[in-house]
Amino acid sequence: MSTSDGIDRVAAAIDETMREVSSTPLWSPWEHVEWLRLKADLLDRLAAARDGSTGALARRAELVRDRAERLADQLNRVPQAPQPRWELTGADETEVVRMWAEAADRA
């Protein structure tokens, strides 16, 4: 097994374990924010060990971190910036945006 495969297995185990633990309904919203931040930090460390800050793990860490910060902003009642109005020209672009939003929500 290569180092890269081992890191992928560790990342998958972290995802699965953190998903199971976070499904507990007794968490406060701030505990969930901290949990997401911890997950992002763990993924960042794995990304650094694997391929630096340019690979898929680093991008996943960034998605998780963004989700944590959006949740923290909502809890702090920070006004949200207006969403950009992109002119989508085809179904493929709309599909990509939908897939990205779903991935961000799962992170």
PDB file of N, CA and C in Angstrom:
ATOM      1  N   MET A   1       0.852  -1.178   0.000  1.00  0.00           N
ATOM      2  CA  MET A   1       0.000   0.000   0.000  1.00  0.00           C
ATOM      3  C   MET A   1       0.894   1.236   0.000  1.00  0.00           C
ATOM      4  N   SER A   2       0.610   2.160  -0.888  1.00  0.00           N
ATOM      5  CA  SER A   2       1.398   3.380  -0.972  1.00  0.00           C
ATOM      6  C   SER A   2       0.952   4.367   0.102  1.00  0.00           C
ATOM      7  N   THR A   3       1.790   5.366   0.329  1.00  0.00           N
ATOM      8  CA  THR A   3       1.460   6.400   1.303  1.00  0.00           C
ATOM      9  C   THR A   3       0.174   7.112   0.916  1.00  0.00           C
ATOM     10  N   SER A   4       0.021   7.369  -0.367  1.00  0.00           N
ATOM     11  CA  SER A   4      -1.178   8.056  -0.855  1.00  0.00           C
ATOM     12  C   SER A   4      -2.435   7.246  -0.558  1.00  0.00           C
ATOM     13  N   ASP A   5      -2.376   5.935  -0.786  1.00  0.00           N
ATOM     14  CA  ASP A   5      -3.530   5.074  -0.493  1.00  0.00           C
ATOM     15  C   ASP A   5      -3.834   5.063   1.002  1.00  0.00           C
ATOM     16  N   GLY A   6      -2.783   5.025   1.805  1.00  0.00           N
ATOM     17  CA  GLY A   6      -2.966   5.040   3.255  1.00  0.00           C
ATOM     18  C   GLY A   6      -3.618   6.326   3.730  1.00  0.00           C
ATOM     19  N   ILE A   7      -3.196   7.437   3.153  1.00  0.00           N
ATOM     20  CA  ILE A   7      -3.776   8.729   3.521  1.00  0.00           C
ATOM     21  C   ILE A   7      -5.241   8.789   3.102  1.00  0.00           C
ATOM     22  N   ASP A   8      -5.554   8.254   1.927  1.00  0.00           N
ATOM     23  CA  ASP A   8      -6.954   8.218   1.488  1.00  0.00           C
ATOM     24  C   ASP A   8      -7.808   7.392   2.447  1.00  0.00           C
ATOM     25  N   ARG A   9      -7.266   6.288   2.921  1.00  0.00           N
ATOM     26  CA  ARG A   9      -8.007   5.445   3.867  1.00  0.00           C
ATOM     27  C   ARG A   9      -8.215   6.166   5.193  1.00  0.00           C
ATOM     28  N   VAL A  10      -7.196   6.883   5.653  1.00  0.00           N
ATOM     29  CA  VAL A  10      -7.328   7.653   6.897  1.00  0.00           C
ATOM     30  C   VAL A  10      -8.387   8.742   6.726  1.00  0.00           C
ATOM     31  N   ALA A  11      -8.363   9.439   5.588  1.00  0.00           N
ATOM     32  CA  ALA A  11      -9.357  10.492   5.329  1.00  0.00           C
ATOM     33  C   ALA A  11     -10.766   9.910   5.310  1.00  0.00           C
ATOM     34  N   ALA A  12     -10.938   8.754   4.694  1.00  0.00           N
ATOM     35  CA  ALA A  12     -12.257   8.114   4.648  1.00  0.00           C
ATOM     36  C   ALA A  12     -12.711   7.712   6.050  1.00  0.00           C
ATOM     37  N   ALA A  13     -11.786   7.205   6.857  1.00  0.00           N
ATOM     38  CA  ALA A  13     -12.125   6.822   8.228  1.00  0.00           C
ATOM     39  C   ALA A  13     -12.508   8.045   9.057  1.00  0.00           C
ATOM     40  N   ILE A  14     -11.794   9.150   8.869  1.00  0.00           N
ATOM     41  CA  ILE A  14     -12.131  10.390   9.573  1.00  0.00           C
ATOM     42  C   ILE A  14     -13.527  10.846   9.173  1.00  0.00           C
ATOM     43  N   ASP A  15     -13.806  10.842   7.872  1.00  0.00           N
ATOM     44  CA  ASP A  15     -15.128  11.257   7.394  1.00  0.00           C
ATOM     45  C   ASP A  15     -16.231  10.413   8.020  1.00  0.00           C
ATOM     46  N   GLU A  16     -16.057   9.106   7.975  1.00  0.00           N
ATOM     47  CA  GLU A  16     -17.087   8.202   8.488  1.00  0.00           C
ATOM     48  C   GLU A  16     -17.284   8.379   9.989  1.00  0.00           C
ATOM     49  N   THR A  17     -16.187   8.429  10.732  1.00  0.00           N
ATOM     50  CA  THR A  17     -16.271   8.558  12.185  1.00  0.00           C
ATOM     51  C   THR A  17     -16.892   9.885  12.588  1.00  0.00           C
ATOM     52  N   MET A  18     -16.442  10.959  11.947  1.00  0.00           N
ATOM     53  CA  MET A  18     -16.967  12.276  12.307  1.00  0.00           C
ATOM     54  C   MET A  18     -18.438  12.403  11.927  1.00  0.00           C
ATOM     55  N   ARG A  19     -18.845  11.783  10.836  1.00  0.00           N
ATOM     56  CA  ARG A  19     -20.251  11.807  10.437  1.00  0.00           C
ATOM     57  C   ARG A  19     -21.100  11.070  11.472  1.00  0.00           C
ATOM     58  N   GLU A  20     -20.626   9.911  11.941  1.00  0.00           N
ATOM     59  CA  GLU A  20     -21.378   9.141  12.931  1.00  0.00           C
ATOM     60  C   GLU A  20     -21.496   9.899  14.247  1.00  0.00           C
ATOM     61  N   VAL A  21     -20.388  10.470  14.700  1.00  0.00           N
ATOM     62  CA  VAL A  21     -20.400  11.182  15.976  1.00  0.00           C
ATOM     63  C   VAL A  21     -21.259  12.440  15.893  1.00  0.00           C
ATOM     64  N   SER A  22     -21.178  13.153  14.774  1.00  0.00           N
ATOM     65  CA  SER A  22     -21.915  14.416  14.662  1.00  0.00           C
ATOM     66  C   SER A  22     -23.409  14.216  14.459  1.00  0.00           C
ATOM     67  N   SER A  23     -23.842  12.996  14.241  1.00  0.00           N
ATOM     68  CA  SER A  23     -25.279  12.751  14.081  1.00  0.00           C
ATOM     69  C   SER A  23     -26.007  12.751  15.421  1.00  0.00           C
ATOM     70  N   THR A  24     -25.270  12.884  16.518  1.00  0.00           N
ATOM     71  CA  THR A  24     -25.877  12.963  17.841  1.00  0.00           C
ATOM     72  C   THR A  24     -26.701  14.243  17.939  1.00  0.00           C
ATOM     73  N   PRO A  25     -27.971  14.150  18.282  1.00  0.00           N
ATOM     74  CA  PRO A  25     -28.829  15.340  18.275  1.00  0.00           C
ATOM     75  C   PRO A  25     -28.608  16.285  19.451  1.00  0.00           C
ATOM     76  N   LEU A  26     -27.717  15.982  20.358  1.00  0.00           N
ATOM     77  CA  LEU A  26     -27.548  16.787  21.564  1.00  0.00           C
ATOM     78  C   LEU A  26     -26.495  17.885  21.423  1.00  0.00           C
ATOM     79  N   TRP A  27     -26.005  18.121  20.241  1.00  0.00           N
ATOM     80  CA  TRP A  27     -24.959  19.114  20.053  1.00  0.00           C
ATOM     81  C   TRP A  27     -25.547  20.506  19.927  1.00  0.00           C
ATOM     82  N   SER A  28     -24.825  21.466  20.476  1.00  0.00           N
ATOM     83  CA  SER A  28     -25.212  22.857  20.248  1.00  0.00           C
ATOM     84  C   SER A  28     -24.682  23.270  18.876  1.00  0.00           C
ATOM     85  N   PRO A  29     -25.226  24.324  18.304  1.00  0.00           N
ATOM     86  CA  PRO A  29     -24.712  24.783  17.004  1.00  0.00           C
ATOM     87  C   PRO A  29     -23.223  25.138  17.044  1.00  0.00           C
ATOM     88  N   TRP A  30     -22.767  25.721  18.158  1.00  0.00           N
ATOM     89  CA  TRP A  30     -21.349  26.084  18.238  1.00  0.00           C
ATOM     90  C   TRP A  30     -20.457  24.851  18.329  1.00  0.00           C
ATOM     91  N   GLU A  31     -20.936  23.795  18.970  1.00  0.00           N
ATOM     92  CA  GLU A  31     -20.164  22.547  18.985  1.00  0.00           C
ATOM     93  C   GLU A  31     -20.032  21.999  17.566  1.00  0.00           C
ATOM     94  N   HIS A  32     -21.079  22.143  16.786  1.00  0.00           N
ATOM     95  CA  HIS A  32     -21.024  21.688  15.396  1.00  0.00           C
ATOM     96  C   HIS A  32     -20.012  22.515  14.596  1.00  0.00           C
ATOM     97  N   VAL A  33     -19.964  23.825  14.830  1.00  0.00           N
ATOM     98  CA  VAL A  33     -18.978  24.682  14.157  1.00  0.00           C
ATOM     99  C   VAL A  33     -17.566  24.217  14.495  1.00  0.00           C
ATOM    100  N   GLU A  34     -17.305  23.985  15.776  1.00  0.00           N
ATOM    101  CA  GLU A  34     -15.965  23.551  16.189  1.00  0.00           C
ATOM    102  C   GLU A  34     -15.628  22.177  15.615  1.00  0.00           C
ATOM    103  N   TRP A  35     -16.622  21.311  15.521  1.00  0.00           N
ATOM    104  CA  TRP A  35     -16.425  19.981  14.944  1.00  0.00           C
ATOM    105  C   TRP A  35     -16.030  20.089  13.475  1.00  0.00           C
ATOM    106  N   LEU A  36     -16.712  20.963  12.740  1.00  0.00           N
ATOM    107  CA  LEU A  36     -16.362  21.174  11.332  1.00  0.00           C
ATOM    108  C   LEU A  36     -14.960  21.764  11.195  1.00  0.00           C
ATOM    109  N   ARG A  37     -14.609  22.687  12.074  1.00  0.00           N
ATOM    110  CA  ARG A  37     -13.260  23.271  12.036  1.00  0.00           C
ATOM    111  C   ARG A  37     -12.203  22.205  12.310  1.00  0.00           C
ATOM    112  N   LEU A  38     -12.472  21.323  13.271  1.00  0.00           N
ATOM    113  CA  LEU A  38     -11.541  20.229  13.563  1.00  0.00           C
ATOM    114  C   LEU A  38     -11.387  19.321  12.350  1.00  0.00           C
ATOM    115  N   LYS A  39     -12.488  18.991  11.707  1.00  0.00           N
ATOM    116  CA  LYS A  39     -12.430  18.134  10.517  1.00  0.00           C
ATOM    117  C   LYS A  39     -11.603  18.799   9.424  1.00  0.00           C
ATOM    118  N   ALA A  40     -11.798  20.092   9.214  1.00  0.00           N
ATOM    119  CA  ALA A  40     -11.020  20.815   8.202  1.00  0.00           C
ATOM    120  C   ALA A  40      -9.533  20.784   8.541  1.00  0.00           C
ATOM    121  N   ASP A  41      -9.198  20.967   9.812  1.00  0.00           N
ATOM    122  CA  ASP A  41      -7.790  20.927  10.216  1.00  0.00           C
ATOM    123  C   ASP A  41      -7.175  19.549   9.977  1.00  0.00           C
ATOM    124  N   LEU A  42      -7.919  18.499  10.310  1.00  0.00           N
ATOM    125  CA  LEU A  42      -7.410  17.146  10.076  1.00  0.00           C
ATOM    126  C   LEU A  42      -7.195  16.884   8.587  1.00  0.00           C
ATOM    127  N   LEU A  43      -8.149  17.305   7.767  1.00  0.00           N
ATOM    128  CA  LEU A  43      -7.995  17.121   6.322  1.00  0.00           C
ATOM    129  C   LEU A  43      -6.825  17.940   5.783  1.00  0.00           C
ATOM    130  N   ASP A  44      -6.619  19.145   6.315  1.00  0.00           N
ATOM    131  CA  ASP A  44      -5.466  19.958   5.909  1.00  0.00           C
ATOM    132  C   ASP A  44      -4.152  19.244   6.209  1.00  0.00           C
ATOM    133  N   ARG A  45      -4.064  18.656   7.380  1.00  0.00           N
ATOM    134  CA  ARG A  45      -2.828  17.949   7.761  1.00  0.00           C
ATOM    135  C   ARG A  45      -2.589  16.740   6.864  1.00  0.00           C
ATOM    136  N   LEU A  46      -3.656  16.021   6.551  1.00  0.00           N
ATOM    137  CA  LEU A  46      -3.513  14.891   5.632  1.00  0.00           C
ATOM    138  C   LEU A  46      -3.105  15.367   4.243  1.00  0.00           C
ATOM    139  N   ALA A  47      -3.684  16.474   3.799  1.00  0.00           N
ATOM    140  CA  ALA A  47      -3.340  17.019   2.480  1.00  0.00           C
ATOM    141  C   ALA A  47      -1.874  17.421   2.438  1.00  0.00           C
ATOM    142  N   ALA A  48      -1.385  18.022   3.509  1.00  0.00           N
ATOM    143  CA  ALA A  48       0.021  18.427   3.552  1.00  0.00           C
ATOM    144  C   ALA A  48       0.937  17.212   3.493  1.00  0.00           C
ATOM    145  N   ALA A  49       0.531  16.125   4.145  1.00  0.00           N
ATOM    146  CA  ALA A  49       1.346  14.910   4.121  1.00  0.00           C
ATOM    147  C   ALA A  49       1.298  14.229   2.764  1.00  0.00           C
ATOM    148  N   ARG A  50       0.207  14.429   2.048  1.00  0.00           N
ATOM    149  CA  ARG A  50       0.032  13.729   0.776  1.00  0.00           C
ATOM    150  C   ARG A  50       0.582  14.505  -0.405  1.00  0.00           C
ATOM    151  N   ASP A  51       0.028  15.680  -0.653  1.00  0.00           N
ATOM    152  CA  ASP A  51       0.410  16.387  -1.873  1.00  0.00           C
ATOM    153  C   ASP A  51       0.400  17.897  -1.708  1.00  0.00           C
ATOM    154  N   GLY A  52       0.590  18.357  -0.517  1.00  0.00           N
ATOM    155  CA  GLY A  52       0.608  19.799  -0.314  1.00  0.00           C
ATOM    156  C   GLY A  52      -0.789  20.383  -0.324  1.00  0.00           C
ATOM    157  N   SER A  53      -0.879  21.626  -0.684  1.00  0.00           N
ATOM    158  CA  SER A  53      -2.159  22.331  -0.589  1.00  0.00           C
ATOM    159  C   SER A  53      -2.886  22.416  -1.924  1.00  0.00           C
ATOM    160  N   THR A  54      -2.575  21.516  -2.853  1.00  0.00           N
ATOM    161  CA  THR A  54      -3.195  21.614  -4.172  1.00  0.00           C
ATOM    162  C   THR A  54      -4.103  20.446  -4.516  1.00  0.00           C
ATOM    163  N   GLY A  55      -4.160  19.428  -3.696  1.00  0.00           N
ATOM    164  CA  GLY A  55      -4.906  18.231  -4.056  1.00  0.00           C
ATOM    165  C   GLY A  55      -6.348  18.243  -3.600  1.00  0.00           C
ATOM    166  N   ALA A  56      -6.990  17.101  -3.821  1.00  0.00           N
ATOM    167  CA  ALA A  56      -8.408  16.950  -3.502  1.00  0.00           C
ATOM    168  C   ALA A  56      -8.672  17.073  -2.004  1.00  0.00           C
ATOM    169  N   LEU A  57      -7.766  16.556  -1.176  1.00  0.00           N
ATOM    170  CA  LEU A  57      -7.972  16.665   0.267  1.00  0.00           C
ATOM    171  C   LEU A  57      -7.949  18.116   0.715  1.00  0.00           C
ATOM    172  N   ALA A  58      -7.060  18.906   0.149  1.00  0.00           N
ATOM    173  CA  ALA A  58      -6.995  20.329   0.495  1.00  0.00           C
ATOM    174  C   ALA A  58      -8.274  21.042   0.072  1.00  0.00           C
ATOM    175  N   ARG A  59      -8.805  20.673  -1.080  1.00  0.00           N
ATOM    176  CA  ARG A  59     -10.065  21.290  -1.533  1.00  0.00           C
ATOM    177  C   ARG A  59     -11.226  20.877  -0.627  1.00  0.00           C
ATOM    178  N   ARG A  60     -11.247  19.618  -0.205  1.00  0.00           N
ATOM    179  CA  ARG A  60     -12.292  19.172   0.727  1.00  0.00           C
ATOM    180  C   ARG A  60     -12.188  19.918   2.048  1.00  0.00           C
ATOM    181  N   ALA A  61     -10.951  20.096   2.528  1.00  0.00           N
ATOM    182  CA  ALA A  61     -10.754  20.838   3.773  1.00  0.00           C
ATOM    183  C   ALA A  61     -11.287  22.256   3.643  1.00  0.00           C
ATOM    184  N   GLU A  62     -11.051  22.868   2.501  1.00  0.00           N
ATOM    185  CA  GLU A  62     -11.533  24.235   2.277  1.00  0.00           C
ATOM    186  C   GLU A  62     -13.061  24.285   2.254  1.00  0.00           C
ATOM    187  N   LEU A  63     -13.706  23.291   1.642  1.00  0.00           N
ATOM    188  CA  LEU A  63     -15.174  23.235   1.642  1.00  0.00           C
ATOM    189  C   LEU A  63     -15.728  23.092   3.060  1.00  0.00           C
ATOM    190  N   VAL A  64     -15.090  22.235   3.852  1.00  0.00           N
ATOM    191  CA  VAL A  64     -15.542  22.035   5.233  1.00  0.00           C
ATOM    192  C   VAL A  64     -15.343  23.319   6.031  1.00  0.00           C
ATOM    193  N   ARG A  65     -14.187  23.952   5.859  1.00  0.00           N
ATOM    194  CA  ARG A  65     -13.907  25.199   6.573  1.00  0.00           C
ATOM    195  C   ARG A  65     -14.911  26.293   6.171  1.00  0.00           C
ATOM    196  N   ASP A  66     -15.222  26.379   4.890  1.00  0.00           N
ATOM    197  CA  ASP A  66     -16.216  27.359   4.435  1.00  0.00           C
ATOM    198  C   ASP A  66     -17.574  27.100   5.086  1.00  0.00           C
ATOM    199  N   ARG A  67     -17.963  25.838   5.163  1.00  0.00           N
ATOM    200  CA  ARG A  67     -19.243  25.487   5.789  1.00  0.00           C
ATOM    201  C   ARG A  67     -19.243  25.901   7.258  1.00  0.00           C
ATOM    202  N   ALA A  68     -18.138  25.650   7.961  1.00  0.00           N
ATOM    203  CA  ALA A  68     -18.044  26.029   9.372  1.00  0.00           C
ATOM    204  C   ALA A  68     -18.159  27.540   9.537  1.00  0.00           C
ATOM    205  N   GLU A  69     -17.490  28.277   8.688  1.00  0.00           N
ATOM    206  CA  GLU A  69     -17.515  29.735   8.812  1.00  0.00           C
ATOM    207  C   GLU A  69     -18.877  30.311   8.429  1.00  0.00           C
ATOM    208  N   ARG A  70     -19.545  29.721   7.442  1.00  0.00           N
ATOM    209  CA  ARG A  70     -20.903  30.180   7.106  1.00  0.00           C
ATOM    210  C   ARG A  70     -21.858  29.934   8.276  1.00  0.00           C
ATOM    211  N   LEU A  71     -21.722  28.760   8.905  1.00  0.00           N
ATOM    212  CA  LEU A  71     -22.563  28.452  10.056  1.00  0.00           C
ATOM    213  C   LEU A  71     -22.265  29.412  11.207  1.00  0.00           C
ATOM    214  N   ALA A  72     -20.988  29.688  11.461  1.00  0.00           N
ATOM    215  CA  ALA A  72     -20.618  30.636  12.517  1.00  0.00           C
ATOM    216  C   ALA A  72     -21.177  32.026  12.220  1.00  0.00           C
ATOM    217  N   ASP A  73     -21.104  32.440  10.967  1.00  0.00           N
ATOM    218  CA  ASP A  73     -21.668  33.742  10.589  1.00  0.00           C
ATOM    219  C   ASP A  73     -23.173  33.782  10.831  1.00  0.00           C
ATOM    220  N   GLN A  74     -23.860  32.699  10.516  1.00  0.00           N
ATOM    221  CA  GLN A  74     -25.309  32.649  10.762  1.00  0.00           C
ATOM    222  C   GLN A  74     -25.604  32.745  12.255  1.00  0.00           C
ATOM    223  N   LEU A  75     -24.808  32.038  13.065  1.00  0.00           N
ATOM    224  CA  LEU A  75     -25.024  32.066  14.509  1.00  0.00           C
ATOM    225  C   LEU A  75     -24.740  33.446  15.090  1.00  0.00           C
ATOM    226  N   ASN A  76     -23.783  34.152  14.504  1.00  0.00           N
ATOM    227  CA  ASN A  76     -23.444  35.505  14.953  1.00  0.00           C
ATOM    228  C   ASN A  76     -24.324  36.567  14.313  1.00  0.00           C
ATOM    229  N   ARG A  77     -25.221  36.131  13.453  1.00  0.00           N
ATOM    230  CA  ARG A  77     -26.130  37.030  12.724  1.00  0.00           C
ATOM    231  C   ARG A  77     -25.374  38.060  11.890  1.00  0.00           C
ATOM    232  N   VAL A  78     -24.305  37.602  11.270  1.00  0.00           N
ATOM    233  CA  VAL A  78     -23.551  38.456  10.359  1.00  0.00           C
ATOM    234  C   VAL A  78     -24.357  38.590   9.074  1.00  0.00           C
ATOM    235  N   PRO A  79     -24.551  39.821   8.597  1.00  0.00           N
ATOM    236  CA  PRO A  79     -25.298  39.971   7.339  1.00  0.00           C
ATOM    237  C   PRO A  79     -24.591  39.238   6.204  1.00  0.00           C
ATOM    238  N   GLN A  80     -25.362  38.544   5.421  1.00  0.00           N
ATOM    239  CA  GLN A  80     -24.807  37.785   4.305  1.00  0.00           C
ATOM    240  C   GLN A  80     -24.684  38.682   3.084  1.00  0.00           C
ATOM    241  N   ALA A  81     -23.583  38.546   2.391  1.00  0.00           N
ATOM    242  CA  ALA A  81     -23.395  39.291   1.146  1.00  0.00           C
ATOM    243  C   ALA A  81     -24.352  38.744   0.104  1.00  0.00           C
ATOM    244  N   PRO A  82     -24.834  39.602  -0.773  1.00  0.00           N
ATOM    245  CA  PRO A  82     -25.711  39.088  -1.835  1.00  0.00           C
ATOM    246  C   PRO A  82     -24.968  38.089  -2.702  1.00  0.00           C
ATOM    247  N   GLN A  83     -25.658  37.050  -3.078  1.00  0.00           N
ATOM    248  CA  GLN A  83     -25.058  36.024  -3.928  1.00  0.00           C
ATOM    249  C   GLN A  83     -24.880  36.565  -5.338  1.00  0.00           C
ATOM    250  N   PRO A  84     -23.755  36.251  -5.983  1.00  0.00           N
ATOM    251  CA  PRO A  84     -23.558  36.731  -7.356  1.00  0.00           C
ATOM    252  C   PRO A  84     -24.580  36.101  -8.294  1.00  0.00           C
ATOM    253  N   ARG A  85     -25.025  36.861  -9.232  1.00  0.00           N
ATOM    254  CA  ARG A  85     -25.983  36.361 -10.218  1.00  0.00           C
ATOM    255  C   ARG A  85     -25.201  35.968 -11.457  1.00  0.00           C
ATOM    256  N   TRP A  86     -24.965  34.691 -11.562  1.00  0.00           N
ATOM    257  CA  TRP A  86     -24.231  34.186 -12.712  1.00  0.00           C
ATOM    258  C   TRP A  86     -25.211  33.909 -13.828  1.00  0.00           C
ATOM    259  N   GLU A  87     -24.810  34.231 -14.989  1.00  0.00           N
ATOM    260  CA  GLU A  87     -25.643  33.889 -16.136  1.00  0.00           C
ATOM    261  C   GLU A  87     -25.197  32.520 -16.630  1.00  0.00           C
ATOM    262  N   LEU A  88     -26.007  31.552 -16.355  1.00  0.00           N
ATOM    263  CA  LEU A  88     -25.689  30.193 -16.767  1.00  0.00           C
ATOM    264  C   LEU A  88     -26.273  29.967 -18.151  1.00  0.00           C
ATOM    265  N   THR A  89     -25.442  29.440 -19.014  1.00  0.00           N
ATOM    266  CA  THR A  89     -25.878  29.307 -20.399  1.00  0.00           C
ATOM    267  C   THR A  89     -26.359  27.916 -20.755  1.00  0.00           C
ATOM    268  N   GLY A  90     -26.124  26.939 -19.911  1.00  0.00           N
ATOM    269  CA  GLY A  90     -26.519  25.588 -20.290  1.00  0.00           C
ATOM    270  C   GLY A  90     -26.796  24.718 -19.089  1.00  0.00           C
ATOM    271  N   ALA A  91     -27.378  23.566 -19.352  1.00  0.00           N
ATOM    272  CA  ALA A  91     -27.728  22.630 -18.284  1.00  0.00           C
ATOM    273  C   ALA A  91     -26.488  22.095 -17.590  1.00  0.00           C
ATOM    274  N   ASP A  92     -25.371  21.947 -18.317  1.00  0.00           N
ATOM    275  CA  ASP A  92     -24.156  21.417 -17.707  1.00  0.00           C
ATOM    276  C   ASP A  92     -23.653  22.335 -16.603  1.00  0.00           C
ATOM    277  N   GLU A  93     -23.669  23.637 -16.841  1.00  0.00           N
ATOM    278  CA  GLU A  93     -23.210  24.574 -15.824  1.00  0.00           C
ATOM    279  C   GLU A  93     -24.134  24.549 -14.614  1.00  0.00           C
ATOM    280  N   THR A  94     -25.420  24.462 -14.838  1.00  0.00           N
ATOM    281  CA  THR A  94     -26.369  24.387 -13.735  1.00  0.00           C
ATOM    282  C   THR A  94     -26.124  23.119 -12.925  1.00  0.00           C
ATOM    283  N   GLU A  95     -25.845  22.034 -13.575  1.00  0.00           N
ATOM    284  CA  GLU A  95     -25.566  20.766 -12.902  1.00  0.00           C
ATOM    285  C   GLU A  95     -24.307  20.873 -12.048  1.00  0.00           C
ATOM    286  N   VAL A  96     -23.284  21.527 -12.557  1.00  0.00           N
ATOM    287  CA  VAL A  96     -22.038  21.697 -11.802  1.00  0.00           C
ATOM    288  C   VAL A  96     -22.292  22.511 -10.542  1.00  0.00           C
ATOM    289  N   VAL A  97     -23.044  23.585 -10.658  1.00  0.00           N
ATOM    290  CA  VAL A  97     -23.355  24.417  -9.496  1.00  0.00           C
ATOM    291  C   VAL A  97     -24.139  23.611  -8.470  1.00  0.00           C
ATOM    292  N   ARG A  98     -25.108  22.824  -8.912  1.00  0.00           N
ATOM    293  CA  ARG A  98     -25.898  21.996  -7.998  1.00  0.00           C
ATOM    294  C   ARG A  98     -25.019  20.966  -7.298  1.00  0.00           C
ATOM    295  N   MET A  99     -24.126  20.326  -8.055  1.00  0.00           N
ATOM    296  CA  MET A  99     -23.240  19.316  -7.470  1.00  0.00           C
ATOM    297  C   MET A  99     -22.310  19.952  -6.445  1.00  0.00           C
ATOM    298  N   TRP A 100     -21.791  21.146  -6.744  1.00  0.00           N
ATOM    299  CA  TRP A 100     -20.897  21.822  -5.811  1.00  0.00           C
ATOM    300  C   TRP A 100     -21.644  22.153  -4.524  1.00  0.00           C
ATOM    301  N   ALA A 101     -22.877  22.642  -4.639  1.00  0.00           N
ATOM    302  CA  ALA A 101     -23.664  22.989  -3.458  1.00  0.00           C
ATOM    303  C   ALA A 101     -23.944  21.752  -2.608  1.00  0.00           C
ATOM    304  N   GLU A 102     -24.246  20.635  -3.239  1.00  0.00           N
ATOM    305  CA  GLU A 102     -24.488  19.399  -2.495  1.00  0.00           C
ATOM    306  C   GLU A 102     -23.224  18.938  -1.784  1.00  0.00           C
ATOM    307  N   ALA A 103     -22.084  19.039  -2.446  1.00  0.00           N
ATOM    308  CA  ALA A 103     -20.817  18.642  -1.827  1.00  0.00           C
ATOM    309  C   ALA A 103     -20.497  19.539  -0.641  1.00  0.00           C
ATOM    310  N   ALA A 104     -20.768  20.819  -0.773  1.00  0.00           N
ATOM    311  CA  ALA A 104     -20.514  21.749   0.324  1.00  0.00           C
ATOM    312  C   ALA A 104     -21.415  21.442   1.513  1.00  0.00           C
ATOM    313  N   ASP A 105     -22.655  21.069   1.265  1.00  0.00           N
ATOM    314  CA  ASP A 105     -23.567  20.730   2.349  1.00  0.00           C
ATOM    315  C   ASP A 105     -23.164  19.445   3.053  1.00  0.00           C
ATOM    316  N   ARG A 106     -22.615  18.489   2.307  1.00  0.00           N
ATOM    317  CA  ARG A 106     -22.185  17.221   2.914  1.00  0.00           C
ATOM    318  C   ARG A 106     -20.915  17.401   3.723  1.00  0.00           C
ATOM    319  N   ALA A 107     -20.101  18.370   3.368  1.00  0.00           N
ATOM    320  CA  ALA A 107     -18.805  18.561   4.023  1.00  0.00           C
ATOM    321  C   ALA A 107     -18.949  18.984   5.454  1.00  0.00           C
TER     322      ALA A 107
END
